[in-house]
C-alpha atoms as a PDB file:
ATOM      1  CA  UNK A   1     185.961-102.426 -31.487  1.00  0.00           C
ATOM      2  CA  UNK A   2     184.558-100.644 -28.484  1.00  0.00           C
ATOM      3  CA  UNK A   3     181.967 -97.941 -28.886  1.00  0.00           C
ATOM      4  CA  UNK A   4     182.574 -95.236 -31.409  1.00  0.00           C
ATOM      5  CA  UNK A   5     182.673 -91.760 -29.999  1.00  0.00           C
ATOM      6  CA  UNK A   6     179.342 -90.045 -29.545  1.00  0.00           C
ATOM      7  CA  UNK A   7     179.870 -86.497 -30.777  1.00  0.00           C
ATOM      8  CA  UNK A   8     177.162 -85.274 -28.398  1.00  0.00           C
ATOM      9  CA  UNK A   9     179.106 -86.372 -25.318  1.00  0.00           C
ATOM     10  CA  UNK A  10     182.073 -84.237 -24.300  1.00  0.00           C
ATOM     11  CA  UNK A  11     185.472 -85.876 -24.610  1.00  0.00           C
ATOM     12  CA  UNK A  12     188.049 -84.380 -22.321  1.00  0.00           C
ATOM     13  CA  UNK A  13     191.116 -86.070 -23.774  1.00  0.00           C
ATOM     14  CA  UNK A  14     191.991 -88.207 -26.774  1.00  0.00           C
ATOM     15  CA  UNK A  15     195.047 -90.429 -27.000  1.00  0.00           C
ATOM     16  CA  UNK A  16     196.560 -90.619 -30.490  1.00  0.00           C
ATOM     17  CA  UNK A  17     197.852 -94.068 -31.444  1.00  0.00           C
ATOM     18  CA  UNK A  18     199.581 -95.361 -34.551  1.00  0.00           C
ATOM     19  CA  UNK A  19     202.597 -97.016 -36.060  1.00  0.00           C
ATOM     20  CA  UNK A  20     205.887 -95.320 -35.242  1.00  0.00           C
ATOM     21  CA  UNK A  21     208.656 -97.920 -35.578  1.00  0.00           C
ATOM     22  CA  UNK A  22     209.576 -98.429 -39.205  1.00  0.00           C
ATOM     23  CA  UNK A  23     207.502 -95.499 -40.493  1.00  0.00           C
ATOM     24  CA  UNK A  24     209.772 -92.624 -41.559  1.00  0.00           C
ATOM     25  CA  UNK A  25     206.735 -90.324 -41.912  1.00  0.00           C
ATOM     26  CA  UNK A  26     205.221 -91.031 -38.494  1.00  0.00           C
ATOM     27  CA  UNK A  27     205.837 -87.539 -37.052  1.00  0.00           C
ATOM     28  CA  UNK A  28     204.074 -85.832 -39.952  1.00  0.00           C
ATOM     29  CA  UNK A  29     201.145 -88.272 -39.759  1.00  0.00           C
ATOM     30  CA  UNK A  30     200.715 -87.819 -36.012  1.00  0.00           C
ATOM     31  CA  UNK A  31     200.929 -84.012 -36.284  1.00  0.00           C
ATOM     32  CA  UNK A  32     198.449 -83.885 -39.162  1.00  0.00           C
ATOM     33  CA  UNK A  33     195.889 -86.118 -37.449  1.00  0.00           C
ATOM     34  CA  UNK A  34     196.312 -84.188 -34.183  1.00  0.00           C
ATOM     35  CA  UNK A  35     195.580 -80.922 -36.026  1.00  0.00           C
ATOM     36  CA  UNK A  36     192.403 -82.351 -37.577  1.00  0.00           C
ATOM     37  CA  UNK A  37     191.264 -83.696 -34.216  1.00  0.00           C
ATOM     38  CA  UNK A  38     191.870 -80.277 -32.606  1.00  0.00           C
ATOM     39  CA  UNK A  39     189.550 -78.749 -35.202  1.00  0.00           C
ATOM     40  CA  UNK A  40     186.878 -81.442 -34.847  1.00  0.00           C
ATOM     41  CA  UNK A  41     187.007 -81.520 -31.036  1.00  0.00           C
ATOM     42  CA  UNK A  42     188.192 -78.041 -30.010  1.00  0.00           C
ATOM     43  CA  UNK A  43     187.560 -78.641 -26.305  1.00  0.00           C
ATOM     44  CA  UNK A  44     189.450 -81.922 -26.189  1.00  0.00           C
ATOM     45  CA  UNK A  45     193.061 -82.328 -25.142  1.00  0.00           C
ATOM     46  CA  UNK A  46     194.927 -84.403 -27.730  1.00  0.00           C
ATOM     47  CA  UNK A  47     197.821 -86.449 -26.397  1.00  0.00           C
ATOM     48  CA  UNK A  48     200.300 -87.032 -29.223  1.00  0.00           C
ATOM     49  CA  UNK A  49     202.934 -89.513 -27.991  1.00  0.00           C
ATOM     50  CA  UNK A  50     204.996 -89.138 -31.163  1.00  0.00           C
ATOM     51  CA  UNK A  51     205.861 -85.573 -30.225  1.00  0.00           C
ATOM     52  CA  UNK A  52     205.413 -85.717 -26.437  1.00  0.00           C
ATOM     53  CA  UNK A  53     207.856 -88.618 -26.051  1.00  0.00           C
ATOM     54  CA  UNK A  54     210.292 -87.670 -28.807  1.00  0.00           C
ATOM     55  CA  UNK A  55     212.944 -86.472 -26.366  1.00  0.00           C
ATOM     56  CA  UNK A  56     212.674 -89.639 -24.251  1.00  0.00           C
ATOM     57  CA  UNK A  57     212.862 -91.754 -27.400  1.00  0.00           C
ATOM     58  CA  UNK A  58     216.009 -89.955 -28.509  1.00  0.00           C
ATOM     59  CA  UNK A  59     217.589 -90.386 -25.058  1.00  0.00           C
ATOM     60  CA  UNK A  60     216.817 -94.105 -25.124  1.00  0.00           C
ATOM     61  CA  UNK A  61     218.376 -94.469 -28.572  1.00  0.00           C
ATOM     62  CA  UNK A  62     221.601 -92.992 -27.180  1.00  0.00           C
ATOM     63  CA  UNK A  63     221.516 -95.225 -24.098  1.00  0.00           C
ATOM     64  CA  UNK A  64     222.702 -98.784 -23.609  1.00  0.00           C
ATOM     65  CA  UNK A  65     219.137-100.047 -23.959  1.00  0.00           C
ATOM     66  CA  UNK A  66     218.464-102.421 -26.828  1.00  0.00           C
ATOM     67  CA  UNK A  67     215.900-101.386 -29.415  1.00  0.00           C
ATOM     68  CA  UNK A  68     213.439-103.860 -27.896  1.00  0.00           C
ATOM     69  CA  UNK A  69     214.032-102.542 -24.365  1.00  0.00           C
ATOM     70  CA  UNK A  70     213.580 -98.953 -25.535  1.00  0.00           C
ATOM     71  CA  UNK A  71     210.356 -99.909 -27.317  1.00  0.00           C
ATOM     72  CA  UNK A  72     209.013-101.654 -24.207  1.00  0.00           C
ATOM     73  CA  UNK A  73     209.841 -98.627 -22.039  1.00  0.00           C
ATOM     74  CA  UNK A  74     208.063 -96.259 -24.431  1.00  0.00           C
ATOM     75  CA  UNK A  75     204.992 -98.503 -24.649  1.00  0.00           C
ATOM     76  CA  UNK A  76     204.816 -98.664 -20.834  1.00  0.00           C
ATOM     77  CA  UNK A  77     204.970 -94.856 -20.649  1.00  0.00           C
ATOM     78  CA  UNK A  78     202.283 -94.545 -23.323  1.00  0.00           C
ATOM     79  CA  UNK A  79     199.961 -96.889 -21.434  1.00  0.00           C
ATOM     80  CA  UNK A  80     200.282 -94.680 -18.359  1.00  0.00           C
ATOM     81  CA  UNK A  81     199.262 -91.615 -20.402  1.00  0.00           C
ATOM     82  CA  UNK A  82     196.390 -93.555 -21.973  1.00  0.00           C
ATOM     83  CA  UNK A  83     194.884 -94.129 -18.521  1.00  0.00           C
ATOM     84  CA  UNK A  84     194.198 -90.391 -18.290  1.00  0.00           C
ATOM     85  CA  UNK A  85     192.306 -90.279 -21.601  1.00  0.00           C
ATOM     86  CA  UNK A  86     188.657 -90.989 -22.337  1.00  0.00           C
ATOM     87  CA  UNK A  87     189.095 -91.651 -26.054  1.00  0.00           C
ATOM     88  CA  UNK A  88     191.609 -93.105 -28.480  1.00  0.00           C
ATOM     89  CA  UNK A  89     192.163 -92.228 -32.129  1.00  0.00           C
ATOM     90  CA  UNK A  90     194.058 -94.844 -34.133  1.00  0.00           C
ATOM     91  CA  UNK A  91     195.872 -93.684 -37.256  1.00  0.00           C
ATOM     92  CA  UNK A  92     195.197 -95.924 -40.289  1.00  0.00           C
ATOM     93  CA  UNK A  93     198.057 -98.195 -41.299  1.00  0.00           C
ATOM     94  CA  UNK A  94     198.798 -99.319 -37.760  1.00  0.00           C
ATOM     95  CA  UNK A  95     198.456-103.058 -38.434  1.00  0.00           C
ATOM     96  CA  UNK A  96     201.700-104.833 -37.671  1.00  0.00           C
ATOM     97  CA  UNK A  97     202.654-102.291 -35.004  1.00  0.00           C
ATOM     98  CA  UNK A  98     203.180-104.149 -31.735  1.00  0.00           C
ATOM     99  CA  UNK A  99     202.922-100.939 -29.698  1.00  0.00           C
ATOM    100  CA  UNK A 100     199.639 -99.898 -31.290  1.00  0.00           C
ATOM    101  CA  UNK A 101     198.291-103.431 -30.863  1.00  0.00           C
ATOM    102  CA  UNK A 102     198.973-103.190 -27.115  1.00  0.00           C
ATOM    103  CA  UNK A 103     197.331 -99.756 -26.978  1.00  0.00           C
ATOM    104  CA  UNK A 104     194.230-100.937 -28.872  1.00  0.00           C
ATOM    105  CA  UNK A 105     193.908-103.959 -26.549  1.00  0.00           C
ATOM    106  CA  UNK A 106     194.209-101.659 -23.538  1.00  0.00           C
ATOM    107  CA  UNK A 107     191.592 -99.291 -24.962  1.00  0.00           C
ATOM    108  CA  UNK A 108     189.203-102.182 -25.570  1.00  0.00           C
ATOM    109  CA  UNK A 109     189.715-103.589 -22.079  1.00  0.00           C
ATOM    110  CA  UNK A 110     189.077-100.172 -20.528  1.00  0.00           C
ATOM    111  CA  UNK A 111     186.014 -99.472 -22.668  1.00  0.00           C
ATOM    112  CA  UNK A 112     187.535 -96.315 -24.131  1.00  0.00           C
ATOM    113  CA  UNK A 113     185.676 -94.475 -26.870  1.00  0.00           C
ATOM    114  CA  UNK A 114     187.218 -94.896 -30.331  1.00  0.00           C
ATOM    115  CA  UNK A 115     187.472 -91.636 -32.246  1.00  0.00           C
ATOM    116  CA  UNK A 116     187.269 -92.271 -36.000  1.00  0.00           C
ATOM    117  CA  UNK A 117     190.286 -91.213 -38.071  1.00  0.00           C
ATOM    118  CA  UNK A 118     189.831 -90.933 -41.821  1.00  0.00           C
ATOM    119  CA  UNK A 119     192.728 -92.107 -44.003  1.00  0.00           C
ATOM    120  CA  UNK A 120     192.150 -88.982 -46.127  1.00  0.00           C
ATOM    121  CA  UNK A 121     193.524 -86.931 -43.229  1.00  0.00           C
ATOM    122  CA  UNK A 122     196.979 -88.415 -43.764  1.00  0.00           C
ATOM    123  CA  UNK A 123     199.620 -86.448 -45.642  1.00  0.00           C
END
């Protein structure tokens, strides 16, 4: 992976990434990790797509869009938000998530700092 975050350098914003599709507990996991990150990096803005895009996700599920189309739309929106962040925190258990895989690839290509997330933080 890219460089791990240097705790001595200020991070202005951290993008939270992880498996959403197929994980019934994703909202709780994202909220919990976001809370821990707020405590560890009190000056950083944490972008939590699970909560920030919940309304858009619900609108897409009620639309004529297929599940795959809705997923692709949400991933495209997430990538736009990622461009405004300096760091990314990936929630453990993300393997097999196509959206998170795209986000990790994007983070690596942009040289974003990876903020460690401990699996013990999960509910």
